[in-house]
Amino acid sequence: MDIKLQIKDTLSKLLKVKLEDLKDDVALQNSVGVDSTEMVEAVIALEKTFNTKLSPNEITKFSTINDIEKIVQSKLGSS
């Protein structure tokens, strides 16, 4: 499973939304109404999914699936 699909799968389960509702280039706040608490929960879930640590400053950068994918890839050393 590729990184973007893993991110979408994790967020879909956490936020209880359909995969197709998670648009790659639309802010999560706009597409599925994610609030700050849900973003913290998402970061924790993504840390578990990818077995990596994300800094609190990165939480504010998480606006789209594409943004999240770039951050996760940088943590995993992938391109």
Protein backbone atom coordinates (compact mmCIF):
# COMPACT_ATOMS: atom_id res chain seq x y z
CA MET A 1 0.00 0.00 0.00
CA ASP A 2 1.45 3.36 -0.94
CA ILE A 3 1.91 6.17 1.56
CA LYS A 4 -0.96 8.33 0.31
CA LEU A 5 -3.39 5.40 0.45
CA GLN A 6 -2.22 4.51 3.98
CA ILE A 7 -2.76 8.12 5.07
CA LYS A 8 -6.24 8.18 3.56
CA ASP A 9 -7.10 4.81 5.09
CA THR A 10 -5.92 5.92 8.54
CA LEU A 11 -7.77 9.25 8.36
CA SER A 12 -10.90 7.66 6.92
CA LYS A 13 -11.15 5.25 9.85
CA LEU A 14 -10.30 7.90 12.45
CA LEU A 15 -12.64 10.57 11.10
CA LYS A 16 -15.34 8.10 10.02
CA VAL A 17 -15.50 9.44 6.47
CA LYS A 18 -15.40 7.73 3.08
CA LEU A 19 -12.04 7.49 1.33
CA GLU A 20 -13.43 9.40 -1.64
CA ASP A 21 -14.32 12.32 0.65
CA LEU A 22 -10.62 12.83 1.41
CA LYS A 23 -9.44 14.99 -1.47
CA ASP A 24 -5.69 15.16 -2.12
CA ASP A 25 -5.49 18.90 -2.63
CA VAL A 26 -8.35 20.28 -0.51
CA ALA A 27 -7.76 21.31 3.10
CA LEU A 28 -9.09 18.71 5.53
CA GLN A 29 -10.87 21.46 7.43
CA ASN A 30 -12.79 22.35 4.27
CA SER A 31 -13.39 18.90 2.82
CA VAL A 32 -14.38 16.94 5.93
CA GLY A 33 -14.53 19.61 8.66
CA VAL A 34 -11.55 18.48 10.74
CA ASP A 35 -11.09 20.49 13.93
CA SER A 36 -7.92 20.99 15.98
CA THR A 37 -8.67 18.10 18.34
CA GLU A 38 -9.20 15.75 15.42
CA MET A 39 -5.92 16.94 13.90
CA VAL A 40 -4.06 15.99 17.08
CA GLU A 41 -5.77 12.58 16.99
CA ALA A 42 -4.82 12.27 13.31
CA VAL A 43 -1.17 13.00 14.08
CA ILE A 44 -1.14 10.31 16.78
CA ALA A 45 -2.80 7.81 14.44
CA LEU A 46 -0.34 8.63 11.64
CA GLU A 47 2.60 8.26 14.03
CA LYS A 48 1.37 4.76 14.87
CA THR A 49 0.66 3.87 11.25
CA PHE A 50 4.11 4.89 10.04
CA ASN A 51 6.06 4.23 13.25
CA THR A 52 7.56 7.72 13.20
CA LYS A 53 7.44 10.87 15.32
CA LEU A 54 5.81 14.06 14.07
CA SER A 55 6.57 17.33 15.84
CA PRO A 56 3.77 19.54 17.19
CA ASN A 57 4.80 22.28 14.74
CA GLU A 58 3.99 19.95 11.86
CA ILE A 59 0.40 19.64 13.07
CA THR A 60 -0.31 23.15 11.82
CA LYS A 61 1.16 22.28 8.41
CA PHE A 62 -1.30 19.42 7.92
CA SER A 63 -3.82 20.97 5.63
CA THR A 64 -4.17 18.60 2.69
CA ILE A 65 -3.51 14.91 2.05
CA ASN A 66 -0.67 15.98 -0.27
CA ASP A 67 0.91 18.04 2.56
CA ILE A 68 0.66 15.13 4.97
CA GLU A 69 2.17 12.78 2.39
CA LYS A 70 5.20 15.08 1.92
CA ILE A 71 5.81 15.27 5.67
CA VAL A 72 5.49 11.51 6.16
CA GLN A 73 7.78 10.83 3.19
CA SER A 74 10.40 13.17 4.62
CA LYS A 75 10.24 11.34 7.97
CA LEU A 76 10.54 7.95 6.28
CA GLY A 77 13.32 9.11 3.96
CA SER A 78 11.20 8.28 0.90
CA SER A 79 10.68 10.33 -2.18
